[in-house]
Protein backbone atom coordinates (compact mmCIF):
# COMPACT_ATOMS: atom_id res chain seq x y z
CA MET A 1 62.85 -139.06 -179.90
CA LEU A 2 65.33 -141.96 -179.52
CA ALA A 3 67.61 -139.80 -177.36
CA VAL A 4 64.74 -138.85 -175.09
CA MET A 5 63.70 -142.51 -174.67
CA THR A 6 67.29 -143.52 -173.87
CA ARG A 7 67.59 -140.90 -171.17
CA PHE A 8 64.25 -141.94 -169.66
CA ILE A 9 65.32 -145.60 -169.44
CA ILE A 10 68.64 -144.68 -167.74
CA VAL A 11 66.82 -142.52 -165.16
CA MET A 12 64.33 -145.32 -164.40
CA VAL A 13 67.14 -147.88 -163.91
CA LEU A 14 68.95 -145.54 -161.52
CA TRP A 15 65.69 -144.72 -159.71
CA VAL A 16 64.88 -148.40 -159.16
CA ASN A 17 68.40 -149.41 -157.97
CA MET A 18 69.36 -146.31 -155.93
CA PRO A 19 67.20 -146.93 -152.79
CA LYS A 20 68.66 -150.44 -152.36
CA ALA A 21 72.26 -149.29 -152.63
CA TYR A 22 71.64 -146.26 -150.46
CA ALA A 23 69.82 -148.28 -147.86
CA SER A 24 72.62 -150.84 -147.76
CA SER A 25 75.22 -148.13 -147.27
CA CYS A 26 73.17 -146.49 -144.50
CA VAL A 27 72.75 -149.77 -142.64
CA GLU A 28 76.48 -150.45 -142.82
CA LEU A 29 77.25 -146.90 -141.80
CA MET A 30 74.83 -146.93 -138.82
CA GLY A 31 76.12 -150.34 -137.79
CA GLY A 32 79.61 -148.93 -137.68
CA PHE A 33 78.44 -146.03 -135.53
CA LEU A 34 76.62 -148.38 -133.13
CA LYS A 35 79.64 -150.66 -132.79
CA ALA A 36 81.91 -147.70 -132.20
CA GLY A 37 79.44 -146.37 -129.61
CA GLN A 38 79.58 -149.61 -127.68
CA VAL A 39 83.34 -149.38 -127.37
CA GLN A 40 83.86 -145.63 -126.95
CA SER A 41 80.61 -144.29 -125.44
CA LYS A 42 80.98 -140.85 -123.93
CA PRO A 43 79.98 -140.48 -120.25
CA SER A 44 76.73 -138.69 -119.51
CA GLY A 45 76.72 -135.16 -118.16
CA PHE A 46 75.90 -136.50 -114.67
CA ASP A 47 78.79 -138.99 -114.77
CA SER A 48 81.24 -136.29 -115.79
CA TRP A 49 80.05 -134.02 -112.98
CA ALA A 50 80.11 -136.88 -110.47
CA MET A 51 83.67 -137.90 -111.30
CA LYS A 52 84.80 -134.29 -111.17
CA GLU A 53 83.39 -134.00 -107.64
CA ALA A 54 84.94 -137.34 -106.60
CA SER A 55 88.36 -136.29 -107.89
CA LYS A 56 88.38 -133.44 -105.35
CA LEU A 57 88.59 -135.99 -102.54
CA GLU A 58 91.66 -137.92 -101.39
CA LEU A 59 90.51 -141.24 -102.87
CA LYS A 60 92.78 -143.94 -104.21
CA GLU A 61 92.91 -144.55 -107.97
CA GLU A 62 91.34 -147.96 -107.41
CA THR A 63 88.31 -146.37 -105.75
CA LEU A 64 87.91 -143.73 -108.47
CA LYS A 65 87.99 -146.36 -111.24
CA ALA A 66 85.44 -148.49 -109.41
CA LEU A 67 83.20 -145.46 -109.00
CA GLU A 68 83.48 -144.53 -112.69
CA LYS A 69 82.58 -148.09 -113.69
CA LYS A 70 79.63 -148.15 -111.29
CA LEU A 71 78.25 -144.86 -112.60
CA ALA A 72 78.38 -146.16 -116.20
CA THR A 73 76.22 -149.17 -115.28
CA LEU A 74 73.58 -147.36 -113.23
CA GLU A 75 70.12 -147.53 -114.78
CA LYS A 76 68.82 -144.77 -112.53
CA LYS A 77 71.14 -141.96 -111.52
CA PRO A 78 70.90 -140.53 -107.99
CA SER A 79 70.13 -136.87 -107.51
CA LYS A 80 73.06 -134.51 -107.16
CA LYS A 81 72.15 -134.00 -103.50
CA GLU A 82 72.14 -137.75 -102.87
CA PHE A 83 75.44 -138.20 -104.66
CA THR A 84 77.08 -135.34 -102.75
CA SER A 85 76.05 -136.97 -99.46
CA PHE A 86 77.30 -140.29 -100.81
CA LEU A 87 80.70 -138.72 -101.49
CA HIS A 88 80.82 -137.14 -98.02
CA PHE A 89 80.36 -140.55 -96.44
CA LEU A 90 82.73 -142.27 -98.87
CA ASP A 91 85.39 -139.75 -97.87
CA ILE A 92 85.14 -140.38 -94.10
CA ILE A 93 85.10 -144.20 -93.99
CA ARG A 94 88.17 -146.42 -93.92
CA ASP A 95 89.88 -147.44 -97.18
CA LYS A 96 88.95 -151.08 -96.69
CA ASN A 97 85.22 -150.19 -96.79
CA ARG A 98 85.24 -147.78 -99.73
CA LEU A 99 84.98 -150.28 -102.60
CA LYS A 100 82.10 -151.96 -100.83
CA PHE A 101 80.23 -148.67 -100.43
CA VAL A 102 80.88 -147.74 -104.06
CA ASP A 103 79.17 -150.99 -105.04
CA GLU A 104 76.17 -149.94 -102.92
CA LEU A 105 75.68 -146.69 -104.86
CA SER A 106 72.79 -148.27 -106.80
CA GLU A 107 70.95 -148.74 -103.48
CA ILE A 108 71.37 -145.15 -102.29
CA SER A 109 67.66 -144.40 -102.92
CA ASN A 110 66.38 -147.77 -101.73
CA PRO A 111 65.03 -147.42 -98.15
CA GLU A 112 64.82 -151.22 -97.82
CA TYR A 113 68.54 -151.72 -98.31
CA SER A 114 70.28 -151.76 -94.92
CA SER A 115 73.92 -152.80 -94.95
CA SER A 116 76.06 -151.70 -91.99
CA LEU A 117 77.62 -148.92 -94.07
CA MET A 118 74.30 -147.71 -95.41
CA LYS A 119 72.87 -147.67 -91.89
CA ARG A 120 75.69 -145.41 -90.73
CA HIS A 121 75.21 -143.17 -93.73
CA ARG A 122 71.47 -142.86 -93.15
CA LYS A 123 71.95 -142.21 -89.45
CA ILE A 124 73.99 -139.12 -90.31
CA GLN A 125 71.41 -138.17 -92.93
CA LYS A 126 68.64 -138.29 -90.31
CA LEU A 127 70.61 -135.87 -88.14
CA ILE A 128 71.04 -133.55 -91.12
CA VAL A 129 67.32 -133.67 -91.99
CA LYS A 130 66.42 -132.98 -88.36
CA GLU A 131 68.80 -130.03 -88.21
CA GLU A 132 67.43 -128.69 -91.50
CA SER A 133 63.89 -128.81 -90.13
CA ASN A 134 64.76 -127.18 -86.80
CA GLU A 135 67.01 -124.51 -88.26
CA GLY A 136 64.49 -123.80 -91.03
CA LYS A 137 61.77 -123.08 -88.48
CA LYS A 138 64.07 -120.82 -86.45
CA LEU A 139 65.26 -118.94 -89.52
CA THR A 140 61.73 -118.47 -90.85
CA LYS A 141 60.57 -117.05 -87.55
CA LYS A 142 63.60 -114.75 -87.36
CA ILE A 143 63.17 -113.41 -90.92
CA ILE A 144 59.45 -112.75 -90.37
CA GLU A 145 60.16 -110.87 -87.13
CA GLU A 146 62.93 -108.79 -88.72
CA ASN A 147 61.01 -108.18 -91.99
CA PRO A 148 57.29 -107.86 -91.16
CA GLY A 149 56.48 -106.49 -94.62
CA LEU A 150 57.73 -109.48 -96.63
CA SER A 151 55.24 -111.72 -98.38
CA SER A 152 55.21 -115.44 -97.63
CA LYS A 153 56.80 -116.10 -101.04
CA GLU A 154 59.60 -113.62 -100.39
CA VAL A 155 60.18 -115.12 -96.95
CA LYS A 156 60.38 -118.57 -98.47
CA VAL A 157 62.94 -117.45 -101.07
CA LYS A 158 65.08 -115.72 -98.43
CA VAL A 159 64.94 -118.71 -96.11
CA SER A 160 65.83 -121.07 -98.95
CA LYS A 161 68.95 -119.10 -99.87
CA GLU A 162 70.24 -118.86 -96.31
CA MET A 163 69.41 -122.48 -95.56
CA ASP A 164 71.35 -123.70 -98.60
CA ILE A 165 74.50 -122.01 -97.29
CA TYR A 166 73.89 -123.16 -93.72
CA MET A 167 73.16 -126.78 -94.60
CA GLN A 168 76.21 -127.11 -96.85
CA LYS A 169 78.38 -126.16 -93.87
CA TYR A 170 76.39 -128.32 -91.47
CA GLU A 171 76.58 -131.37 -93.72
CA ARG A 172 80.36 -131.04 -93.98
CA LEU A 173 80.50 -130.85 -90.18
CA ALA A 174 78.18 -133.84 -89.73
CA TYR A 175 80.43 -136.05 -91.85
CA GLY A 176 83.75 -134.41 -91.01
CA CYS A 177 83.28 -134.82 -87.24
CA ARG A 178 82.64 -138.55 -87.77
CA SER A 179 85.55 -139.13 -90.09
CA THR A 180 88.03 -141.96 -89.56
CA LYS A 181 90.84 -139.68 -90.74
CA TRP A 182 92.02 -136.20 -89.84
CA THR A 183 89.76 -133.55 -91.35
CA PRO A 184 89.80 -129.78 -90.78
CA GLU A 185 86.72 -130.25 -88.58
CA ARG A 186 88.39 -132.89 -86.41
CA LYS A 187 91.64 -130.91 -86.10
CA ALA A 188 89.75 -127.82 -84.92
CA ALA A 189 87.67 -129.90 -82.51
CA GLY A 190 90.81 -131.60 -81.15
CA ASN A 191 92.35 -128.25 -80.19
CA THR A 192 89.12 -127.05 -78.63
CA PHE A 193 88.67 -130.29 -76.71
CA LYS A 194 92.23 -130.14 -75.34
CA LYS A 195 91.76 -126.61 -73.98
CA PHE A 196 88.35 -127.51 -72.63
CA THR A 197 89.60 -130.66 -70.88
CA ILE A 198 92.53 -128.93 -69.19
CA GLY A 199 90.72 -125.70 -68.28
CA ILE A 200 87.53 -127.07 -66.80
CA GLY A 201 89.35 -130.11 -65.43
CA LEU A 202 91.54 -127.87 -63.27
CA ALA A 203 88.58 -125.91 -61.93
CA SER A 204 86.65 -129.10 -61.21
CA SER A 205 89.58 -130.81 -59.45
CA ILE A 206 90.16 -127.81 -57.16
CA GLY A 207 86.50 -127.73 -56.17
CA ALA A 208 86.12 -131.47 -55.65
CA TYR A 209 89.40 -131.90 -53.72
CA THR A 210 88.62 -128.93 -51.45
CA TYR A 211 85.12 -130.21 -50.75
CA GLN A 212 86.27 -133.72 -49.87
CA ASN A 213 89.22 -132.56 -47.71
CA TYR A 214 87.75 -129.50 -46.05
CA ASP A 215 88.01 -131.15 -42.60
CA ARG A 216 91.79 -131.60 -42.83
CA ASP A 217 94.29 -128.97 -41.73
CA ILE A 218 95.30 -126.70 -44.60
CA ASP A 219 99.03 -127.09 -44.16
CA ALA A 220 101.96 -127.55 -46.54
CA LYS A 221 101.09 -131.21 -47.07
CA TRP A 222 97.43 -130.36 -47.90
CA ILE A 223 98.48 -127.73 -50.44
CA GLY A 224 101.22 -129.99 -51.82
CA ARG A 225 98.76 -132.80 -52.44
CA LEU A 226 96.36 -130.42 -54.19
CA GLY A 227 99.20 -129.14 -56.39
CA TYR A 228 100.19 -132.71 -57.18
CA GLU A 229 96.58 -133.58 -58.14
CA LEU A 230 96.39 -130.59 -60.49
CA THR A 231 99.77 -131.21 -62.12
CA ALA A 232 99.01 -134.88 -62.69
CA GLY A 233 95.55 -133.97 -63.98
CA VAL A 234 96.96 -131.57 -66.60
CA LEU A 235 99.51 -134.07 -67.90
CA VAL A 236 96.99 -136.90 -68.05
CA GLY A 237 94.39 -134.58 -69.62
CA LEU A 238 96.79 -133.60 -72.42
CA VAL A 239 97.41 -137.17 -73.50
CA SER A 240 93.82 -138.31 -72.92
CA SER A 241 92.47 -135.52 -75.12
CA LYS A 242 94.74 -136.67 -77.95
CA ILE A 243 93.50 -140.25 -77.59
CA VAL A 244 89.84 -139.16 -77.63
CA SER A 245 90.19 -136.83 -80.63
CA ASN A 246 92.24 -139.27 -82.74
CA PRO A 247 89.90 -140.31 -85.62
CA GLU A 248 91.70 -143.63 -86.07
CA ASN A 249 90.49 -144.86 -82.67
CA SER A 250 87.22 -146.76 -82.55
CA PRO A 251 85.24 -146.42 -79.27
CA VAL A 252 86.57 -149.79 -78.10
CA ALA A 253 90.18 -148.93 -79.03
CA LEU A 254 89.77 -145.53 -77.40
CA ALA A 255 88.55 -147.08 -74.15
CA LEU A 256 91.36 -149.63 -74.03
CA LYS A 257 94.05 -147.07 -74.90
CA LYS A 258 92.81 -144.70 -72.22
CA TYR A 259 92.75 -147.45 -69.62
CA PHE A 260 96.21 -148.84 -70.35
CA PHE A 261 97.62 -145.34 -70.65
CA SER A 262 96.19 -144.58 -67.21
CA ARG A 263 97.82 -147.75 -65.86
CA GLY A 264 101.15 -146.59 -67.27
CA THR A 265 100.79 -143.17 -65.69
CA GLY A 266 99.57 -144.96 -62.58
CA LEU A 267 102.97 -146.62 -62.19
CA VAL A 268 104.67 -143.22 -62.39
CA ASP A 269 102.09 -141.86 -59.96
CA MET A 270 102.70 -144.76 -57.58
CA PHE A 271 106.42 -143.99 -57.22
CA ALA A 272 106.04 -140.21 -57.37
CA TYR A 273 103.24 -140.02 -54.80
CA GLY A 274 104.95 -142.56 -52.57
CA SER A 275 108.21 -140.62 -52.57
CA LEU A 276 106.52 -137.24 -52.04
CA PHE A 277 103.81 -138.10 -49.56
CA GLY A 278 104.68 -141.57 -48.31
CA ILE A 279 106.27 -142.32 -44.94
CA SER A 280 110.00 -141.72 -45.13
CA ASN A 281 112.83 -142.82 -42.84
CA ASP A 282 113.18 -139.19 -41.77
CA ASP A 283 109.59 -139.22 -40.54
CA ALA A 284 110.26 -142.45 -38.66
CA LYS A 285 113.48 -141.11 -37.13
CA GLU A 286 111.69 -137.97 -35.99
CA ARG A 287 109.05 -140.05 -34.24
CA LEU A 288 111.69 -142.30 -32.66
CA GLU A 289 113.55 -139.25 -31.34
CA ASN A 290 110.31 -137.89 -29.90
CA ILE A 291 109.63 -141.26 -28.25
CA MET A 292 113.06 -141.27 -26.62
CA LYS A 293 112.48 -137.74 -25.29
CA ASP A 294 109.02 -138.58 -24.01
CA PRO A 295 108.83 -139.11 -20.22
CA ASN A 296 106.37 -141.90 -20.96
CA ARG A 297 108.60 -143.55 -23.46
CA ARG A 298 108.30 -146.87 -21.67
CA ALA A 299 104.63 -147.03 -22.62
CA GLU A 300 105.42 -145.99 -26.18
CA ILE A 301 108.14 -148.61 -26.48
CA GLU A 302 105.70 -151.20 -25.19
CA LYS A 303 103.28 -150.20 -27.95
CA LEU A 304 106.04 -150.71 -30.48
CA ARG A 305 106.85 -154.13 -29.03
CA GLN A 306 103.20 -155.14 -29.19
CA PHE A 307 103.02 -153.88 -32.76
CA MET A 308 106.12 -155.92 -33.64
CA ASP A 309 104.51 -159.03 -32.18
CA GLN A 310 101.23 -158.36 -33.95
CA LYS A 311 102.88 -157.88 -37.34
CA ASN A 312 105.60 -160.45 -36.65
CA LEU A 313 108.11 -157.77 -37.56
CA TYR A 314 110.87 -159.01 -35.27
CA GLN A 315 110.85 -162.47 -36.80
CA LYS A 316 110.75 -161.04 -40.33
CA PHE A 317 113.59 -158.68 -39.54
CA LYS A 318 115.60 -161.47 -37.90
CA GLU A 319 115.11 -163.78 -40.89
CA SER A 320 116.20 -161.00 -43.22
CA PHE A 321 119.30 -160.36 -41.15
CA ILE A 322 120.18 -164.07 -41.06
CA GLU A 323 119.86 -164.28 -44.83
CA LYS A 324 122.10 -161.26 -45.19
CA VAL A 325 124.80 -162.84 -42.98
CA LYS A 326 124.64 -166.11 -44.90
CA ASN A 327 125.20 -164.22 -48.15
CA LEU A 328 128.18 -162.43 -46.64
CA LYS A 329 129.71 -165.72 -45.45
CA GLU A 330 129.24 -167.31 -48.84
CA SER A 331 130.91 -164.33 -50.53
CA GLY A 332 133.96 -164.72 -48.29
CA VAL A 333 133.51 -161.49 -46.33
CA ALA A 334 135.00 -161.71 -42.83
CA ILE A 335 132.42 -161.45 -40.06
CA GLU A 336 133.34 -160.66 -36.51
CA ASP A 337 132.48 -163.42 -34.04
CA LYS A 338 131.92 -162.01 -30.54
CA GLY A 339 132.59 -165.40 -29.01
CA ASP A 340 129.05 -166.50 -28.37
CA GLY A 341 129.11 -168.78 -31.44
CA ASN A 342 125.88 -167.28 -32.66
CA ILE A 343 126.87 -164.55 -35.05
CA THR A 344 123.58 -164.75 -36.98
CA GLU A 345 121.64 -163.45 -34.00
CA ALA A 346 123.15 -160.06 -33.43
CA ILE A 347 119.80 -159.01 -32.03
CA SER A 348 118.18 -161.09 -29.37
CA GLY A 349 115.11 -160.34 -27.37
CA ASN A 350 117.02 -161.59 -24.34
CA THR A 351 119.88 -159.12 -24.75
CA ILE A 352 117.75 -156.01 -25.35
CA ASN A 353 116.22 -154.28 -22.39
CA TRP A 354 113.15 -152.93 -24.13
CA ASP A 355 111.95 -151.21 -20.98
CA ALA A 356 115.13 -149.15 -20.63
CA LEU A 357 116.49 -148.43 -24.07
CA THR A 358 119.38 -146.02 -23.88
CA THR A 359 120.97 -143.68 -26.39
CA GLU A 360 123.79 -146.22 -26.71
CA ASP A 361 121.25 -148.90 -27.60
CA LEU A 362 119.90 -146.71 -30.38
CA GLU A 363 123.38 -146.32 -31.81
CA ASP A 364 123.30 -150.02 -32.62
CA ASP A 365 122.40 -150.07 -36.31
CA GLU A 366 120.42 -153.28 -36.07
CA ILE A 367 118.32 -152.12 -33.13
CA GLN A 368 117.73 -148.77 -34.80
CA ASN A 369 116.71 -150.38 -38.09
CA LEU A 370 114.30 -152.69 -36.32
CA LEU A 371 112.70 -149.81 -34.46
CA LEU A 372 112.47 -147.66 -37.58
CA THR A 373 110.95 -150.51 -39.55
CA SER A 374 108.38 -150.92 -36.83
CA ILE A 375 107.63 -147.21 -36.69
CA VAL A 376 107.23 -146.93 -40.50
CA SER A 377 104.81 -149.83 -40.44
CA GLN A 378 103.00 -148.34 -37.47
CA MET A 379 102.67 -144.93 -39.16
CA TYR A 380 101.34 -146.59 -42.33
CA ASP A 381 98.74 -148.45 -40.26
CA GLU A 382 97.64 -145.19 -38.69
CA GLN A 383 96.83 -143.59 -42.03
CA LYS A 384 95.86 -146.49 -44.30
CA GLY A 385 92.40 -146.84 -45.78
CA ASP A 386 89.67 -149.29 -44.84
CA LEU A 387 89.58 -151.35 -48.02
CA ILE A 388 93.03 -151.38 -49.63
CA ALA A 389 96.23 -151.83 -47.65
CA THR A 390 99.26 -153.00 -49.59
CA GLY A 391 101.80 -151.65 -47.12
CA ASN A 392 102.78 -148.68 -49.28
CA VAL A 393 100.78 -145.51 -49.99
CA GLY A 394 101.89 -145.42 -53.63
CA SER A 395 100.87 -149.04 -54.20
CA ASP A 396 97.54 -148.37 -52.47
CA ARG A 397 96.92 -145.54 -54.91
CA PHE A 398 97.81 -147.64 -57.96
CA THR A 399 95.57 -150.51 -56.85
CA PHE A 400 92.63 -148.20 -56.20
CA HIS A 401 92.91 -146.43 -59.58
CA ALA A 402 93.22 -149.72 -61.45
CA ALA A 403 89.97 -151.00 -59.94
CA TYR A 404 88.09 -147.69 -60.11
CA GLY A 405 89.17 -147.00 -63.70
CA ALA A 406 88.03 -150.42 -64.89
CA LEU A 407 84.57 -149.98 -63.31
CA LEU A 408 83.95 -146.57 -64.85
CA LEU A 409 85.64 -147.18 -68.20
CA PRO A 410 82.42 -147.43 -70.32
CA LYS A 411 80.94 -144.31 -68.72
CA ASP A 412 84.14 -142.27 -69.11
CA THR A 413 84.48 -143.27 -72.77
CA PHE A 414 80.88 -142.32 -73.56
CA VAL A 415 81.07 -138.95 -71.79
CA SER A 416 84.42 -138.05 -73.40
CA LEU A 417 83.16 -138.86 -76.90
CA TYR A 418 79.87 -137.05 -76.33
CA ILE A 419 81.61 -133.87 -75.19
CA TYR A 420 84.09 -134.08 -78.08
CA ASN A 421 81.29 -134.51 -80.65
CA THR A 422 79.34 -131.66 -79.06
CA LEU A 423 82.29 -129.31 -79.44
CA CYS A 424 83.02 -130.54 -82.97
CA MET A 425 79.44 -130.17 -84.22
CA GLY A 426 79.13 -126.86 -82.43
CA ALA A 427 81.69 -125.13 -84.64
CA MET A 428 78.89 -123.09 -86.25
CA ASN A 429 77.70 -121.91 -82.82
CA PRO A 430 80.71 -122.23 -80.48
CA ARG A 431 79.11 -120.42 -77.56
CA ALA A 432 76.06 -122.69 -77.42
CA ALA A 433 78.28 -125.77 -77.88
CA LEU A 434 80.59 -124.67 -75.04
CA ILE A 435 77.65 -124.09 -72.69
CA LYS A 436 76.27 -127.54 -73.51
CA ALA A 437 79.68 -129.20 -73.08
CA VAL A 438 80.25 -127.44 -69.73
CA GLY A 439 76.80 -128.58 -68.60
CA ILE A 440 77.52 -132.22 -69.50
CA PHE A 441 80.99 -132.12 -67.95
CA SER A 442 79.79 -130.40 -64.77
CA LEU A 443 76.93 -132.83 -64.24
CA ASN A 444 79.28 -135.75 -64.74
CA ARG A 445 81.94 -134.37 -62.40
CA ILE A 446 79.46 -133.21 -59.73
CA ILE A 447 78.21 -136.77 -59.45
CA PHE A 448 81.31 -138.83 -60.11
CA ASP A 449 83.97 -136.59 -58.54
CA GLN A 450 82.16 -136.98 -55.24
CA ILE A 451 82.05 -140.75 -55.75
CA TYR A 452 85.73 -140.79 -56.75
CA TYR A 453 87.08 -138.75 -53.83
CA PHE A 454 84.76 -140.39 -51.31
CA SER A 455 85.65 -143.92 -52.42
CA ARG A 456 89.35 -143.02 -52.63
CA ARG A 457 89.38 -141.60 -49.12
CA THR A 458 87.44 -144.56 -47.78
CA SER A 459 89.56 -147.13 -49.62
CA ILE A 460 93.07 -145.72 -49.18
CA ASN A 461 92.54 -142.56 -47.06
CA GLN A 462 94.10 -140.22 -49.65
């Protein structure tokens, strides 16, 4: 009996004290777990997936760490679709803006939030939603026509599957074509745009030049000028297409680069065109020889004299000659004095019989140079334009292009970018994109090529 009572008392003591000890141990144990959880919490399944997707992009370590930290603090996670679009945009913007956009991840579902980056992101999203709606309607209609026996549910399932594949590609295009770095989409579009610019540019230039110069004789000079226009157009088109397709160029930078590049090529064009199609000394000599053979050369010489007086060419030539002689005297070069004490006036209106110039007169270098200078100036006057006359056909051309290019710079930039984006976004339907691009280009050239060639011919007669 005593043994039984002893055992009972021991059991009761243990029973009374055990819950307190056990509870204390559990509290301490749970506290330890909680503290450990605060320090070494495991990321959620969404966070792990999100970081895995982000690691596929070419993002700096700093950006990835900021993104991981931001995901851990989000109270409400975005949908996978929203986050995928977020990553697409994060990938195409400049490095300096990425940390800022990562910080805006919490506002991705907030329609009221409208930072400049979020506005750009949502603008692309609107295009994607619009394309999804339009393509969905087309695809639904096509599937119903091709499969008249399908139920509406089956049609919906089929459309959904095909649209998922289509929209994944379209979304990559929508962001890739607007990237600030080279993407596969932009590289492909750059090559297409280069071929397009050169090919259609050549066809357009031939048509426009022929139309504006149809009334001129089709001789070697006419064909030579056309060939020059086409060659220059190809070279300029090659470089311009690279400027337009370069993702690092903002619209403003693109416009300025194109303009200053065109001014650089304009300098080359000025000298090249002037030397090829300008008035040369050979042309002037040929005219002078024809004048001397002309029975009415007296009248022609009189025209030259009047032209000299009008342009003050004799005085300018005389002053130039005097300056040349002074320089020779100062350098110690011996100068022959014919005895008249006036060696600086080798040419004198009183000693030249303008009405009866002989072959011997023309052998005098100074007389010949004066006449040739007058003839070159006269020939330039005969073919100069109505608005720009610098005295040189190459300089006329440079001046005209500088003014014309500045006036049309905004329009040219917009059209170039629009065509480039059309070709880039049209990668999924190249034929339709090409037709649209040709339409835009043709409309622009039909209008502005006529303005260009008309204003060029009026301004500088070229």
